[in-house]
Amino acid sequence: MRTLNYKTVRYEGHQYLMKFLTQELGLSDRHELLQEILENSIPITKQDVVVIFCFVTGWKNGYLQQISDVRKIDPLNLYGETWSSIQL
């Protein structure tokens, strides 16, 4: 594998708010305080969604080919407990 890209989709402005907290307020070195702030100000949800896009390009049998796969992972109720998509 020569190239791997990983991206997350967040709401607009997420990166600027996280930069403000971690860099401008200096909370990147104060993990426990940052955790406390986030846990007490952002509601927890089990209703997330994970979307995976995979694209592979390479030579096979003398031809340049591309294979793609897209998967959506929703939360799952398993053994009476709800697991968020990211937990799965």
N, C-alpha and C. Protein backbone atom coordinates (compact mmCIF):
# COMPACT_ATOMS: atom_id res chain seq x y z
N MET A 1 0.85 -1.16 0.00
CA MET A 1 0.00 0.00 0.00
C MET A 1 0.90 1.23 0.00
N ARG A 2 0.66 2.10 -0.94
CA ARG A 2 1.45 3.33 -1.03
C ARG A 2 0.75 4.52 -0.40
N THR A 3 -0.57 4.54 -0.48
CA THR A 3 -1.31 5.70 0.00
C THR A 3 -2.51 5.26 0.82
N LEU A 4 -2.69 5.89 1.96
CA LEU A 4 -3.86 5.66 2.79
C LEU A 4 -4.35 7.00 3.27
N ASN A 5 -5.62 7.30 3.02
CA ASN A 5 -6.23 8.54 3.48
C ASN A 5 -7.30 8.21 4.49
N TYR A 6 -7.29 8.92 5.60
CA TYR A 6 -8.30 8.73 6.65
C TYR A 6 -8.92 10.09 6.93
N LYS A 7 -10.22 10.15 6.86
CA LYS A 7 -10.90 11.42 7.11
C LYS A 7 -12.12 11.18 7.98
N THR A 8 -12.47 12.17 8.77
CA THR A 8 -13.70 12.11 9.54
C THR A 8 -14.60 13.26 9.10
N VAL A 9 -15.88 13.06 9.23
CA VAL A 9 -16.85 14.10 8.90
C VAL A 9 -17.41 14.63 10.22
N ARG A 10 -17.25 15.90 10.43
CA ARG A 10 -17.75 16.56 11.64
C ARG A 10 -18.61 17.75 11.22
N TYR A 11 -19.29 18.33 12.17
CA TYR A 11 -20.10 19.49 11.85
C TYR A 11 -19.19 20.69 11.54
N GLU A 12 -19.73 21.63 10.79
CA GLU A 12 -18.96 22.81 10.38
C GLU A 12 -18.47 23.58 11.60
N GLY A 13 -17.21 23.91 11.62
CA GLY A 13 -16.61 24.66 12.72
C GLY A 13 -15.98 23.80 13.79
N HIS A 14 -16.13 22.48 13.72
CA HIS A 14 -15.59 21.57 14.73
C HIS A 14 -14.08 21.75 14.91
N GLN A 15 -13.36 21.78 13.80
CA GLN A 15 -11.89 21.87 13.91
C GLN A 15 -11.45 23.18 14.56
N TYR A 16 -12.18 24.26 14.32
CA TYR A 16 -11.81 25.55 14.90
C TYR A 16 -12.07 25.58 16.40
N LEU A 17 -13.17 24.96 16.81
CA LEU A 17 -13.47 24.90 18.24
C LEU A 17 -12.45 24.02 18.97
N MET A 18 -12.08 22.90 18.37
CA MET A 18 -11.09 22.03 19.00
C MET A 18 -9.72 22.70 19.05
N LYS A 19 -9.38 23.45 18.01
CA LYS A 19 -8.11 24.19 18.01
C LYS A 19 -8.12 25.24 19.12
N PHE A 20 -9.25 25.93 19.28
CA PHE A 20 -9.38 26.93 20.33
C PHE A 20 -9.16 26.30 21.71
N LEU A 21 -9.82 25.16 21.97
CA LEU A 21 -9.68 24.50 23.26
C LEU A 21 -8.26 23.98 23.50
N THR A 22 -7.71 23.31 22.51
CA THR A 22 -6.43 22.64 22.72
C THR A 22 -5.23 23.57 22.61
N GLN A 23 -5.27 24.50 21.65
CA GLN A 23 -4.10 25.34 21.43
C GLN A 23 -4.21 26.71 22.11
N GLU A 24 -5.31 27.41 21.85
CA GLU A 24 -5.43 28.76 22.38
C GLU A 24 -5.65 28.78 23.89
N LEU A 25 -6.41 27.82 24.41
CA LEU A 25 -6.60 27.74 25.86
C LEU A 25 -5.56 26.83 26.52
N GLY A 26 -4.74 26.17 25.71
CA GLY A 26 -3.66 25.34 26.24
C GLY A 26 -4.11 24.04 26.88
N LEU A 27 -5.26 23.52 26.49
CA LEU A 27 -5.76 22.31 27.12
C LEU A 27 -5.19 21.02 26.52
N SER A 28 -4.35 21.13 25.51
CA SER A 28 -3.75 19.92 24.93
C SER A 28 -2.81 19.25 25.93
N ASP A 29 -2.30 20.01 26.87
CA ASP A 29 -1.42 19.44 27.91
C ASP A 29 -2.17 19.17 29.21
N ARG A 30 -3.47 19.45 29.23
CA ARG A 30 -4.28 19.25 30.43
C ARG A 30 -5.45 18.32 30.09
N HIS A 31 -5.10 17.08 29.79
CA HIS A 31 -6.06 16.10 29.27
C HIS A 31 -7.25 15.89 30.20
N GLU A 32 -6.99 15.80 31.50
CA GLU A 32 -8.09 15.54 32.44
C GLU A 32 -9.08 16.69 32.47
N LEU A 33 -8.59 17.93 32.42
CA LEU A 33 -9.48 19.09 32.41
C LEU A 33 -10.27 19.15 31.10
N LEU A 34 -9.60 18.90 29.99
CA LEU A 34 -10.28 18.89 28.69
C LEU A 34 -11.37 17.82 28.67
N GLN A 35 -11.07 16.65 29.19
CA GLN A 35 -12.06 15.57 29.25
C GLN A 35 -13.26 15.97 30.10
N GLU A 36 -12.99 16.58 31.24
CA GLU A 36 -14.08 17.02 32.13
C GLU A 36 -14.96 18.06 31.44
N ILE A 37 -14.35 19.02 30.76
CA ILE A 37 -15.11 20.06 30.06
C ILE A 37 -15.99 19.43 28.99
N LEU A 38 -15.42 18.55 28.18
CA LEU A 38 -16.18 17.94 27.09
C LEU A 38 -17.29 17.03 27.60
N GLU A 39 -16.99 16.23 28.60
CA GLU A 39 -17.99 15.30 29.13
C GLU A 39 -19.15 16.01 29.81
N ASN A 40 -18.91 17.21 30.34
CA ASN A 40 -19.97 17.95 31.03
C ASN A 40 -20.68 18.97 30.15
N SER A 41 -20.25 19.11 28.90
CA SER A 41 -20.88 20.12 28.06
C SER A 41 -21.45 19.56 26.75
N ILE A 42 -21.09 18.33 26.41
CA ILE A 42 -21.56 17.75 25.15
C ILE A 42 -22.36 16.49 25.47
N PRO A 43 -23.61 16.43 25.01
CA PRO A 43 -24.42 15.25 25.31
C PRO A 43 -23.86 13.99 24.62
N ILE A 44 -24.01 12.87 25.29
CA ILE A 44 -23.59 11.59 24.74
C ILE A 44 -24.71 11.06 23.86
N THR A 45 -24.35 10.45 22.74
CA THR A 45 -25.34 9.85 21.86
C THR A 45 -24.87 8.49 21.40
N LYS A 46 -25.81 7.60 21.24
CA LYS A 46 -25.53 6.29 20.66
C LYS A 46 -26.02 6.25 19.22
N GLN A 47 -26.48 7.41 18.71
CA GLN A 47 -27.08 7.47 17.38
C GLN A 47 -26.11 7.99 16.33
N ASP A 48 -24.87 7.53 16.39
CA ASP A 48 -23.89 7.95 15.40
C ASP A 48 -23.96 7.03 14.19
N VAL A 49 -23.24 7.39 13.15
CA VAL A 49 -23.16 6.58 11.94
C VAL A 49 -21.70 6.58 11.49
N VAL A 50 -21.22 5.42 11.10
CA VAL A 50 -19.88 5.31 10.52
C VAL A 50 -20.04 4.93 9.06
N VAL A 51 -19.39 5.68 8.17
CA VAL A 51 -19.42 5.40 6.74
C VAL A 51 -17.98 5.13 6.30
N ILE A 52 -17.79 4.02 5.63
CA ILE A 52 -16.45 3.62 5.18
C ILE A 52 -16.45 3.57 3.66
N PHE A 53 -15.54 4.32 3.05
CA PHE A 53 -15.33 4.29 1.61
C PHE A 53 -13.96 3.68 1.37
N CYS A 54 -13.89 2.62 0.60
CA CYS A 54 -12.60 2.00 0.26
C CYS A 54 -12.45 1.99 -1.26
N PHE A 55 -11.33 2.48 -1.72
CA PHE A 55 -11.01 2.46 -3.14
C PHE A 55 -9.61 1.90 -3.28
N VAL A 56 -9.46 0.89 -4.10
CA VAL A 56 -8.16 0.28 -4.35
C VAL A 56 -7.90 0.34 -5.85
N THR A 57 -6.74 0.88 -6.21
CA THR A 57 -6.36 0.97 -7.62
C THR A 57 -5.03 0.26 -7.80
N GLY A 58 -4.94 -0.57 -8.83
CA GLY A 58 -3.69 -1.27 -9.10
C GLY A 58 -3.77 -2.07 -10.38
N TRP A 59 -2.65 -2.67 -10.70
CA TRP A 59 -2.56 -3.47 -11.92
C TRP A 59 -2.91 -4.91 -11.62
N LYS A 60 -3.79 -5.49 -12.45
CA LYS A 60 -4.16 -6.89 -12.32
C LYS A 60 -4.35 -7.45 -13.73
N ASN A 61 -3.63 -8.52 -14.01
CA ASN A 61 -3.70 -9.17 -15.32
C ASN A 61 -3.39 -8.19 -16.46
N GLY A 62 -2.46 -7.26 -16.22
CA GLY A 62 -2.04 -6.31 -17.25
C GLY A 62 -2.96 -5.12 -17.43
N TYR A 63 -4.00 -4.99 -16.61
CA TYR A 63 -4.93 -3.88 -16.72
C TYR A 63 -4.95 -3.08 -15.42
N LEU A 64 -5.01 -1.77 -15.58
CA LEU A 64 -5.18 -0.91 -14.41
C LEU A 64 -6.64 -0.98 -13.99
N GLN A 65 -6.88 -1.40 -12.75
CA GLN A 65 -8.25 -1.61 -12.29
C GLN A 65 -8.49 -0.87 -10.98
N GLN A 66 -9.75 -0.57 -10.73
CA GLN A 66 -10.14 0.03 -9.46
C GLN A 66 -11.32 -0.74 -8.90
N ILE A 67 -11.24 -1.06 -7.63
CA ILE A 67 -12.32 -1.72 -6.92
C ILE A 67 -12.75 -0.78 -5.81
N SER A 68 -14.04 -0.61 -5.64
CA SER A 68 -14.53 0.28 -4.58
C SER A 68 -15.59 -0.45 -3.76
N ASP A 69 -15.68 -0.04 -2.51
CA ASP A 69 -16.66 -0.62 -1.59
C ASP A 69 -17.09 0.49 -0.63
N VAL A 70 -18.38 0.59 -0.37
CA VAL A 70 -18.92 1.57 0.56
C VAL A 70 -19.78 0.82 1.57
N ARG A 71 -19.58 1.12 2.84
CA ARG A 71 -20.37 0.48 3.89
C ARG A 71 -20.83 1.51 4.90
N LYS A 72 -22.04 1.33 5.39
CA LYS A 72 -22.60 2.20 6.42
C LYS A 72 -22.86 1.33 7.66
N ILE A 73 -22.36 1.79 8.79
CA ILE A 73 -22.54 1.05 10.03
C ILE A 73 -23.40 1.89 10.97
N ASP A 74 -24.54 1.34 11.33
CA ASP A 74 -25.47 2.00 12.25
C ASP A 74 -25.28 1.43 13.65
N PRO A 75 -25.80 2.12 14.66
CA PRO A 75 -25.78 1.56 16.02
C PRO A 75 -26.50 0.21 16.04
N LEU A 76 -26.18 -0.61 17.04
CA LEU A 76 -26.74 -1.95 17.10
C LEU A 76 -27.14 -2.28 18.53
N ASN A 77 -28.33 -2.84 18.68
CA ASN A 77 -28.76 -3.31 19.99
C ASN A 77 -28.35 -4.78 20.08
N LEU A 78 -27.46 -5.07 21.01
CA LEU A 78 -26.90 -6.41 21.14
C LEU A 78 -26.95 -6.82 22.60
N TYR A 79 -27.62 -7.93 22.89
CA TYR A 79 -27.75 -8.45 24.25
C TYR A 79 -28.33 -7.40 25.21
N GLY A 80 -29.31 -6.64 24.72
CA GLY A 80 -29.98 -5.67 25.57
C GLY A 80 -29.24 -4.37 25.78
N GLU A 81 -28.14 -4.19 25.09
CA GLU A 81 -27.37 -2.95 25.23
C GLU A 81 -27.16 -2.33 23.86
N THR A 82 -27.29 -1.01 23.79
CA THR A 82 -27.08 -0.30 22.53
C THR A 82 -25.61 0.06 22.38
N TRP A 83 -25.04 -0.33 21.27
CA TRP A 83 -23.64 -0.02 20.94
C TRP A 83 -23.63 1.01 19.83
N SER A 84 -22.88 2.10 20.03
CA SER A 84 -22.79 3.12 18.98
C SER A 84 -21.97 2.56 17.82
N SER A 85 -22.11 3.19 16.68
CA SER A 85 -21.40 2.72 15.49
C SER A 85 -19.90 2.69 15.68
N ILE A 86 -19.36 3.71 16.32
CA ILE A 86 -17.91 3.78 16.51
C ILE A 86 -17.42 2.69 17.47
N GLN A 87 -18.29 2.22 18.35
CA GLN A 87 -17.91 1.14 19.26
C GLN A 87 -17.84 -0.20 18.54
N LEU A 88 -18.62 -0.33 17.47
CA LEU A 88 -18.64 -1.59 16.75
C LEU A 88 -17.40 -1.71 15.90
